[in-house]
Amino acid sequence: MYGNVNEDRTIVRNNTTQDYISGREILQTQDYISGRKILQDLSGKLGGSWKSLGRFLGIGEATLYDFQYNNSTTQEAAYQMLLHWARSNGSNANIENLAEGLRRACRTDLAEFVEG
């Protein structure tokens, strides 16, 4: 979805090469908008599994409740949860850890989606 990954860990998208997001902070990529776009796209696909993912990403129940209570839609709650995770985890907020959380939440389809 986000480009083809070469052996040298670069992404080729639209005939241009960019650093691969994987292994780097999602929100600290060369293309900040790309990192946020991944989170936005994912939040629209999570549905009710967003809380399960949050638990596997290490977000506490009280925080998950706050996201649910303070947001009018499931998609926005999921996005705010993902944004919180990305901002709170620095270099650990990367595609590999996100994909692992998705797999543990039984969302292999979305793990494959974010891995590209």
Protein backbone atom coordinates (compact mmCIF):
# COMPACT_ATOMS: atom_id res chain seq x y z
CA MET A 1 0.00 0.00 0.00
CA TYR A 2 2.75 2.45 0.86
CA GLY A 3 5.26 1.41 -1.79
CA ASN A 4 7.60 -1.42 -2.61
CA VAL A 5 10.45 -2.13 -0.22
CA ASN A 6 13.83 -2.80 -1.78
CA GLU A 7 16.59 -4.91 -0.23
CA ASP A 8 18.42 -1.72 0.81
CA ARG A 9 15.39 -0.78 3.00
CA THR A 10 14.10 2.02 0.78
CA ILE A 11 10.61 2.56 -0.51
CA VAL A 12 10.00 3.10 -4.18
CA ARG A 13 6.80 5.02 -4.73
CA ASN A 14 5.80 6.88 -7.86
CA ASN A 15 9.27 6.22 -9.34
CA THR A 16 11.00 8.00 -6.43
CA THR A 17 12.99 6.48 -3.58
CA GLN A 18 12.39 7.39 0.06
CA ASP A 19 13.72 6.06 3.36
CA TYR A 20 11.71 3.08 4.54
CA ILE A 21 9.45 3.96 7.47
CA SER A 22 9.96 0.57 9.12
CA GLY A 23 12.39 0.61 12.02
CA ARG A 24 12.10 4.37 12.37
CA GLU A 25 9.65 6.43 14.34
CA ILE A 26 6.40 6.61 12.40
CA LEU A 27 5.97 10.33 13.04
CA GLN A 28 9.65 11.17 12.50
CA THR A 29 9.95 9.99 8.93
CA GLN A 30 11.25 12.27 6.21
CA ASP A 31 7.65 12.50 5.14
CA TYR A 32 5.77 13.36 8.35
CA ILE A 33 2.49 13.41 6.44
CA SER A 34 3.09 9.82 5.30
CA GLY A 35 3.38 8.64 8.91
CA ARG A 36 0.16 10.35 9.92
CA LYS A 37 -1.54 9.01 6.78
CA ILE A 38 -0.68 5.45 7.81
CA LEU A 39 -2.30 6.05 11.20
CA GLN A 40 -5.34 7.72 9.64
CA ASP A 41 -5.83 4.93 7.10
CA LEU A 42 -5.42 2.28 9.76
CA SER A 43 -7.88 3.96 12.14
CA GLY A 44 -10.54 3.78 9.44
CA LYS A 45 -10.04 0.02 9.10
CA LEU A 46 -9.76 -1.03 12.76
CA GLY A 47 -13.42 -0.82 13.72
CA GLY A 48 -14.12 -2.29 17.14
CA SER A 49 -10.69 -3.94 17.36
CA TRP A 50 -8.98 -0.62 18.14
CA LYS A 51 -9.12 -1.20 21.91
CA SER A 52 -7.65 -4.68 21.62
CA LEU A 53 -4.81 -3.25 19.53
CA GLY A 54 -4.31 -0.51 22.11
CA ARG A 55 -3.93 -3.09 24.86
CA PHE A 56 -1.34 -5.01 22.85
CA LEU A 57 0.52 -1.74 22.22
CA GLY A 58 0.70 -1.20 25.99
CA ILE A 59 -1.95 1.47 26.42
CA GLY A 60 -3.78 1.27 29.75
CA GLU A 61 -7.51 0.76 30.20
CA ALA A 62 -8.10 4.23 31.65
CA THR A 63 -6.44 5.85 28.65
CA LEU A 64 -8.43 3.71 26.23
CA TYR A 65 -11.62 4.69 28.05
CA ASP A 66 -10.66 8.37 27.73
CA PHE A 67 -10.20 7.99 23.97
CA GLN A 68 -13.59 6.30 23.69
CA TYR A 69 -15.35 8.85 25.91
CA ASN A 70 -13.75 11.96 24.37
CA ASN A 71 -14.29 11.10 20.70
CA SER A 72 -17.60 10.94 18.90
CA THR A 73 -16.63 8.18 16.44
CA THR A 74 -14.79 4.89 16.69
CA GLN A 75 -12.48 5.98 13.89
CA GLU A 76 -11.45 9.16 15.72
CA ALA A 77 -10.93 7.26 18.99
CA ALA A 78 -8.74 4.77 17.12
CA TYR A 79 -6.77 7.57 15.45
CA GLN A 80 -6.18 9.40 18.74
CA MET A 81 -5.07 6.12 20.35
CA LEU A 82 -2.62 5.44 17.50
CA LEU A 83 -1.33 9.02 17.60
CA HIS A 84 -0.84 8.75 21.38
CA TRP A 85 1.07 5.49 20.92
CA ALA A 86 3.26 6.98 18.20
CA ARG A 87 4.07 10.10 20.22
CA SER A 88 4.68 8.21 23.47
CA ASN A 89 6.97 5.50 22.17
CA GLY A 90 9.67 7.28 20.20
CA SER A 91 11.78 4.88 18.18
CA ASN A 92 9.62 1.94 19.33
CA ALA A 93 6.66 3.44 17.44
CA ASN A 94 7.59 1.78 14.18
CA ILE A 95 5.91 -0.34 11.56
CA GLU A 96 7.29 -3.62 12.98
CA ASN A 97 5.85 -3.03 16.45
CA LEU A 98 2.56 -1.77 15.04
CA ALA A 99 2.28 -4.86 12.82
CA GLU A 100 3.11 -7.13 15.76
CA GLY A 101 0.36 -5.51 17.85
CA LEU A 102 -2.07 -5.99 14.99
CA ARG A 103 -1.15 -9.67 14.72
CA ARG A 104 -1.61 -10.17 18.46
CA ALA A 105 -5.03 -8.49 18.14
CA CYS A 106 -5.91 -11.05 15.42
CA ARG A 107 -5.79 -8.44 12.66
CA THR A 108 -3.23 -10.04 10.35
CA ASP A 109 -5.01 -8.39 7.44
CA LEU A 110 -4.16 -4.96 8.83
CA ALA A 111 -0.61 -6.01 9.75
CA GLU A 112 -0.09 -6.86 6.10
CA PHE A 113 -1.75 -3.56 5.14
CA VAL A 114 0.70 -1.43 7.15
CA GLU A 115 3.71 -3.49 6.08
CA GLY A 116 2.86 -2.69 2.49
